[in-house]
Structure formats: structure tokens, C-alpha cells
Amino acid sequence: MSAQLSEYKQGLYIQANVPNWPDQATFTGTVSIIDKRGATATDTRYTPNWVRPAQSVDEARAILLKYGIDVIEGRAQQGSDVNG
């Protein structure tokens, strides 16, 4: 995805897919990392391989936000690549 640099600010976008049954939750998340140092935004799709099943949508969102921030700040590595 190429774009004008002025269109973007550094940021993080995460979307969680959580079903109606929490015990069957999957943590497919979209993590988009926008970097002003390059013209291409990075769009990665990861499932953290260390998370326990969330009991609510809010808990799943919190897990994915924490994971995404850890990745950006260099404290965590990517999980399983769900595009496989």
C-alpha cells in the first residue's frame, strides 16, 4: 500500500474477531503499523500464540492492544501468521 507520507501519522489499528461463544474465541487481529520514515504502510495479520481465551470482547480487545504495543516497542515477537 503506497501513499503520500503527509496522509499518515504513526499509529496502530487492531481488529479482533470474537464469536458469540467465548470458549471458542479466536484472536485474529489486524495490526497496521504506519511509519512516516517510509512510503509504505505495513499491514500484518497475526494471531498471538500465547494468549488464553478471552471471556469477553473487551478482554480480547485489551489483549490485542497490549500485544500490538509490545510488538511496536520491541518487547514481543510476532505470533502465528494467519495468512499462512
C-alpha atoms as a PDB file:
ATOM      1  CA  MET A   1       0.000   0.000   0.000  1.00  0.00           C
ATOM      2  CA  SER A   2       1.729   3.170  -1.161  1.00  0.00           C
ATOM      3  CA  ALA A   3       0.578   6.601  -0.098  1.00  0.00           C
ATOM      4  CA  GLN A   4       1.625  10.175   0.445  1.00  0.00           C
ATOM      5  CA  LEU A   5       3.552  10.476   3.693  1.00  0.00           C
ATOM      6  CA  SER A   6       1.547  13.515   4.749  1.00  0.00           C
ATOM      7  CA  GLU A   7      -1.600  11.385   4.921  1.00  0.00           C
ATOM      8  CA  TYR A   8      -0.330   9.276   7.808  1.00  0.00           C
ATOM      9  CA  LYS A   9       0.699   9.584  11.399  1.00  0.00           C
ATOM     10  CA  GLN A  10       2.375   6.793  13.326  1.00  0.00           C
ATOM     11  CA  GLY A  11      -0.361   4.593  14.651  1.00  0.00           C
ATOM     12  CA  LEU A  12      -1.804   1.190  15.375  1.00  0.00           C
ATOM     13  CA  TYR A  13      -5.090  -0.304  14.241  1.00  0.00           C
ATOM     14  CA  ILE A  14      -6.276  -3.617  15.660  1.00  0.00           C
ATOM     15  CA  GLN A  15      -9.449  -5.505  14.809  1.00  0.00           C
ATOM     16  CA  ALA A  16     -10.447  -8.539  16.870  1.00  0.00           C
ATOM     17  CA  ASN A  17     -12.759 -11.288  15.651  1.00  0.00           C
ATOM     18  CA  VAL A  18     -14.539 -12.760  18.658  1.00  0.00           C
ATOM     19  CA  PRO A  19     -17.505 -15.167  18.277  1.00  0.00           C
ATOM     20  CA  ASN A  20     -20.595 -15.339  20.461  1.00  0.00           C
ATOM     21  CA  TRP A  21     -19.075 -18.232  22.431  1.00  0.00           C
ATOM     22  CA  PRO A  22     -16.026 -17.010  24.407  1.00  0.00           C
ATOM     23  CA  ASP A  23     -14.591 -20.507  24.853  1.00  0.00           C
ATOM     24  CA  GLN A  24     -14.290 -20.732  21.053  1.00  0.00           C
ATOM     25  CA  ALA A  25     -12.744 -17.270  20.636  1.00  0.00           C
ATOM     26  CA  THR A  26     -10.093 -16.759  18.010  1.00  0.00           C
ATOM     27  CA  PHE A  27      -7.681 -13.871  18.209  1.00  0.00           C
ATOM     28  CA  THR A  28      -7.265 -12.955  14.585  1.00  0.00           C
ATOM     29  CA  GLY A  29      -6.095  -9.364  14.658  1.00  0.00           C
ATOM     30  CA  THR A  30      -5.070  -6.854  12.047  1.00  0.00           C
ATOM     31  CA  VAL A  31      -2.139  -4.750  13.174  1.00  0.00           C
ATOM     32  CA  SER A  32      -1.355  -1.842  10.848  1.00  0.00           C
ATOM     33  CA  ILE A  33       1.856  -0.005  11.637  1.00  0.00           C
ATOM     34  CA  ILE A  34       2.143   3.379   9.954  1.00  0.00           C
ATOM     35  CA  ASP A  35       5.681   4.718   9.729  1.00  0.00           C
ATOM     36  CA  LYS A  36       6.484   8.230   8.452  1.00  0.00           C
ATOM     37  CA  ARG A  37      10.041   7.133   7.608  1.00  0.00           C
ATOM     38  CA  GLY A  38       8.807   5.070   4.649  1.00  0.00           C
ATOM     39  CA  ALA A  39       6.183   5.493   1.946  1.00  0.00           C
ATOM     40  CA  THR A  40       4.665   2.070   2.566  1.00  0.00           C
ATOM     41  CA  ALA A  41       2.428   1.250   5.487  1.00  0.00           C
ATOM     42  CA  THR A  42       2.910  -2.226   6.908  1.00  0.00           C
ATOM     43  CA  ASP A  43      -0.239  -4.317   7.271  1.00  0.00           C
ATOM     44  CA  THR A  44       0.362  -7.511   9.246  1.00  0.00           C
ATOM     45  CA  ARG A  45      -2.125 -10.115  10.368  1.00  0.00           C
ATOM     46  CA  TYR A  46      -1.115 -12.088  13.427  1.00  0.00           C
ATOM     47  CA  THR A  47      -2.685 -14.365  15.975  1.00  0.00           C
ATOM     48  CA  PRO A  48      -0.783 -14.107  19.255  1.00  0.00           C
ATOM     49  CA  ASN A  49       0.168 -17.685  20.101  1.00  0.00           C
ATOM     50  CA  TRP A  50       0.444 -17.093  23.847  1.00  0.00           C
ATOM     51  CA  VAL A  51      -2.991 -15.759  24.757  1.00  0.00           C
ATOM     52  CA  ARG A  52      -5.570 -17.626  26.787  1.00  0.00           C
ATOM     53  CA  PRO A  53      -9.202 -17.494  25.592  1.00  0.00           C
ATOM     54  CA  ALA A  54     -10.846 -14.186  26.466  1.00  0.00           C
ATOM     55  CA  GLN A  55     -14.152 -14.180  28.274  1.00  0.00           C
ATOM     56  CA  SER A  56     -15.473 -11.042  26.579  1.00  0.00           C
ATOM     57  CA  VAL A  57     -14.990  -8.805  23.568  1.00  0.00           C
ATOM     58  CA  ASP A  58     -13.463  -6.128  25.817  1.00  0.00           C
ATOM     59  CA  GLU A  59     -10.921  -8.591  27.202  1.00  0.00           C
ATOM     60  CA  ALA A  60      -9.993  -9.758  23.699  1.00  0.00           C
ATOM     61  CA  ARG A  61      -9.526  -6.148  22.592  1.00  0.00           C
ATOM     62  CA  ALA A  62      -7.300  -5.429  25.613  1.00  0.00           C
ATOM     63  CA  ILE A  63      -5.139  -8.489  24.863  1.00  0.00           C
ATOM     64  CA  LEU A  64      -4.674  -7.470  21.233  1.00  0.00           C
ATOM     65  CA  LEU A  65      -3.890  -3.850  22.138  1.00  0.00           C
ATOM     66  CA  LYS A  66      -1.260  -4.966  24.664  1.00  0.00           C
ATOM     67  CA  TYR A  67       0.242  -7.378  22.126  1.00  0.00           C
ATOM     68  CA  GLY A  68       0.367  -4.740  19.387  1.00  0.00           C
ATOM     69  CA  ILE A  69       2.029  -2.158  21.626  1.00  0.00           C
ATOM     70  CA  ASP A  70       4.616  -4.729  22.766  1.00  0.00           C
ATOM     71  CA  VAL A  71       5.437  -5.509  19.117  1.00  0.00           C
ATOM     72  CA  ILE A  72       5.869  -1.838  18.210  1.00  0.00           C
ATOM     73  CA  GLU A  73       8.058  -1.160  21.244  1.00  0.00           C
ATOM     74  CA  GLY A  74      10.187  -4.250  20.589  1.00  0.00           C
ATOM     75  CA  ARG A  75       9.193  -6.297  23.646  1.00  0.00           C
ATOM     76  CA  ALA A  76       7.403  -9.065  21.727  1.00  0.00           C
ATOM     77  CA  GLN A  77       7.808 -11.001  18.525  1.00  0.00           C
ATOM     78  CA  GLN A  78       5.094 -11.843  16.035  1.00  0.00           C
ATOM     79  CA  GLY A  79       2.726 -14.698  16.730  1.00  0.00           C
ATOM     80  CA  SER A  80       1.391 -17.131  14.174  1.00  0.00           C
ATOM     81  CA  ASP A  81       0.887 -15.693  10.701  1.00  0.00           C
ATOM     82  CA  VAL A  82      -2.757 -16.375   9.938  1.00  0.00           C
ATOM     83  CA  ASN A  83      -2.290 -15.719   6.215  1.00  0.00           C
ATOM     84  CA  GLY A  84      -0.205 -18.863   6.290  1.00  0.00           C
END
